[in-house]
Amino acid sequence: MRVFRSPAFWVILAFLFTAVFSNLGGDSRMSSSAIMAGERPSLSSMAKKESSMREGALLSEVKGRFRKQGERLLFIEDGTNKSFKCLENLSLQRMEASQQDDDRKVAWIVSSKVTEFKGENFLLVEKAIRSR
């Protein structure tokens, strides 16, 4: 078969393999090493890249507001309409206790860990400070 002896065939084949494998290996999600290196992704930038964020992603100093929805609190990042349910813990309890019913306009600076359950992301609030 003369086709297999042609240099053009091998160049095209190598190009196709490179294109296919670079798309398979390329992941638009933030790697844990990038997060550990001090890059601070915002909720909106990560939400634009993908519908769900990776388990264990760390979010640092994200500004937003809390809103009650049923028994749960939602965190809504400022400048977006993206909301995330918050998991109950002591940090969230203290934040909720300090917030009055009419304090919906109060902004918070939140550091949290992202968890995932059945394709939905939740925030485990580690620190919440009222924004000035």
Protein backbone atom coordinates (compact mmCIF):
# COMPACT_ATOMS: atom_id res chain seq x y z
CA MET A 1 0.00 0.00 0.00
CA ARG A 2 1.60 3.18 -1.21
CA VAL A 3 -0.55 5.40 0.99
CA PHE A 4 1.20 4.23 4.17
CA ARG A 5 4.59 5.06 2.65
CA SER A 6 3.62 8.65 1.89
CA PRO A 7 5.07 11.25 4.29
CA ALA A 8 1.93 13.37 3.83
CA PHE A 9 -0.21 10.54 5.23
CA TRP A 10 1.88 10.34 8.40
CA VAL A 11 1.88 14.13 8.86
CA ILE A 12 -1.91 14.24 8.57
CA LEU A 13 -2.29 11.25 10.89
CA ALA A 14 0.01 12.83 13.50
CA PHE A 15 -1.96 16.08 13.28
CA LEU A 16 -5.26 14.26 13.81
CA PHE A 17 -3.96 12.32 16.82
CA THR A 18 -2.55 15.50 18.35
CA ALA A 19 -5.87 17.31 17.89
CA VAL A 20 -7.93 14.45 19.33
CA PHE A 21 -5.74 13.77 22.36
CA SER A 22 -5.26 17.43 23.23
CA ASN A 23 -9.05 17.83 23.41
CA LEU A 24 -9.45 14.70 25.53
CA GLY A 25 -6.75 15.70 28.00
CA GLY A 26 -7.66 19.38 28.15
CA ASP A 27 -9.92 20.16 31.08
CA SER A 28 -11.31 23.67 31.49
CA ARG A 29 -11.76 23.13 35.23
CA MET A 30 -9.39 24.73 37.63
CA SER A 31 -6.84 22.22 38.85
CA SER A 32 -6.25 21.80 42.55
CA SER A 33 -2.60 22.76 42.02
CA ALA A 34 -3.70 26.08 40.47
CA ILE A 35 -6.02 26.73 43.39
CA MET A 36 -3.29 25.81 45.90
CA ALA A 37 -0.89 28.14 44.09
CA GLY A 38 -2.98 31.07 45.26
CA GLU A 39 -5.21 31.70 42.26
CA ARG A 40 -8.56 32.87 43.55
CA PRO A 41 -11.35 31.90 41.20
CA SER A 42 -14.68 33.60 41.61
CA LEU A 43 -17.95 31.72 41.52
CA SER A 44 -19.02 33.44 38.32
CA SER A 45 -15.78 32.74 36.44
CA MET A 46 -15.92 29.06 37.35
CA ALA A 47 -19.64 28.82 36.66
CA LYS A 48 -19.09 30.22 33.16
CA LYS A 49 -16.53 27.53 32.42
CA GLU A 50 -18.72 24.66 33.54
CA SER A 51 -22.09 23.93 35.00
CA SER A 52 -20.64 22.32 38.11
CA MET A 53 -17.43 22.96 39.97
CA ARG A 54 -15.07 20.33 41.27
CA GLU A 55 -15.42 18.83 44.70
CA GLY A 56 -12.97 20.46 47.08
CA ALA A 57 -12.42 23.70 45.13
CA LEU A 58 -11.54 26.53 47.51
CA LEU A 59 -13.09 29.94 47.08
CA SER A 60 -11.45 32.81 48.88
CA GLU A 61 -12.91 36.23 49.65
CA VAL A 62 -15.89 36.17 47.30
CA LYS A 63 -18.30 39.06 47.81
CA GLY A 64 -22.01 38.32 47.84
CA ARG A 65 -25.26 38.17 49.76
CA PHE A 66 -27.20 35.51 51.63
CA ARG A 67 -30.89 34.88 51.11
CA LYS A 68 -33.18 32.42 52.85
CA GLN A 69 -34.90 29.80 50.70
CA GLY A 70 -36.99 27.43 52.76
CA GLU A 71 -34.78 26.00 55.48
CA ARG A 72 -31.55 26.70 53.58
CA LEU A 73 -29.49 29.80 52.92
CA LEU A 74 -28.41 30.65 49.40
CA PHE A 75 -25.23 32.55 48.64
CA ILE A 76 -25.51 34.88 45.62
CA GLU A 77 -22.27 36.34 44.30
CA ASP A 78 -22.40 40.09 43.63
CA GLY A 79 -22.65 40.97 39.97
CA THR A 80 -24.23 37.65 39.04
CA ASN A 81 -27.49 35.88 39.60
CA LYS A 82 -25.73 32.58 40.29
CA SER A 83 -26.74 31.11 43.62
CA PHE A 84 -25.41 28.19 45.63
CA LYS A 85 -27.07 26.40 48.52
CA CYS A 86 -25.01 26.56 51.70
CA LEU A 87 -24.41 23.55 53.88
CA GLU A 88 -25.22 24.01 57.51
CA ASN A 89 -22.24 24.41 59.84
CA LEU A 90 -21.17 26.55 62.79
CA SER A 91 -19.79 29.38 60.61
CA LEU A 92 -23.09 29.67 58.76
CA GLN A 93 -25.04 29.51 62.03
CA ARG A 94 -23.03 32.41 63.49
CA MET A 95 -23.42 34.45 60.31
CA GLU A 96 -27.17 33.82 60.20
CA ALA A 97 -27.56 34.72 63.89
CA SER A 98 -25.83 38.06 63.33
CA GLN A 99 -27.97 38.89 60.30
CA GLN A 100 -31.39 40.48 60.83
CA ASP A 101 -34.38 39.77 58.59
CA ASP A 102 -34.06 43.22 57.01
CA ASP A 103 -30.32 42.78 56.34
CA ARG A 104 -30.73 41.31 52.85
CA LYS A 105 -28.76 44.19 51.42
CA VAL A 106 -25.72 43.47 53.59
CA ALA A 107 -22.81 42.13 51.56
CA TRP A 108 -20.50 39.47 52.92
CA ILE A 109 -16.96 38.43 52.07
CA VAL A 110 -17.04 34.64 52.06
CA SER A 111 -14.39 31.94 51.96
CA SER A 112 -15.76 28.49 51.34
CA LYS A 113 -15.15 25.00 50.07
CA VAL A 114 -17.21 23.61 47.20
CA THR A 115 -18.92 20.27 47.59
CA GLU A 116 -20.90 18.35 45.02
CA PHE A 117 -23.90 16.06 45.39
CA LYS A 118 -25.95 14.61 42.51
CA GLY A 119 -24.55 17.12 40.04
CA GLU A 120 -25.32 20.15 42.19
CA ASN A 121 -22.77 22.30 43.98
CA PHE A 122 -23.02 23.37 47.60
CA LEU A 123 -20.86 25.76 49.60
CA LEU A 124 -19.39 24.87 52.95
CA VAL A 125 -18.80 28.32 54.42
CA GLU A 126 -15.54 28.50 56.34
CA LYS A 127 -15.49 32.25 56.96
CA ALA A 128 -18.02 35.03 56.44
CA ILE A 129 -17.22 38.68 57.22
CA ARG A 130 -19.58 41.61 56.74
CA SER A 131 -18.40 43.83 53.92
CA ARG A 132 -18.02 47.49 54.76
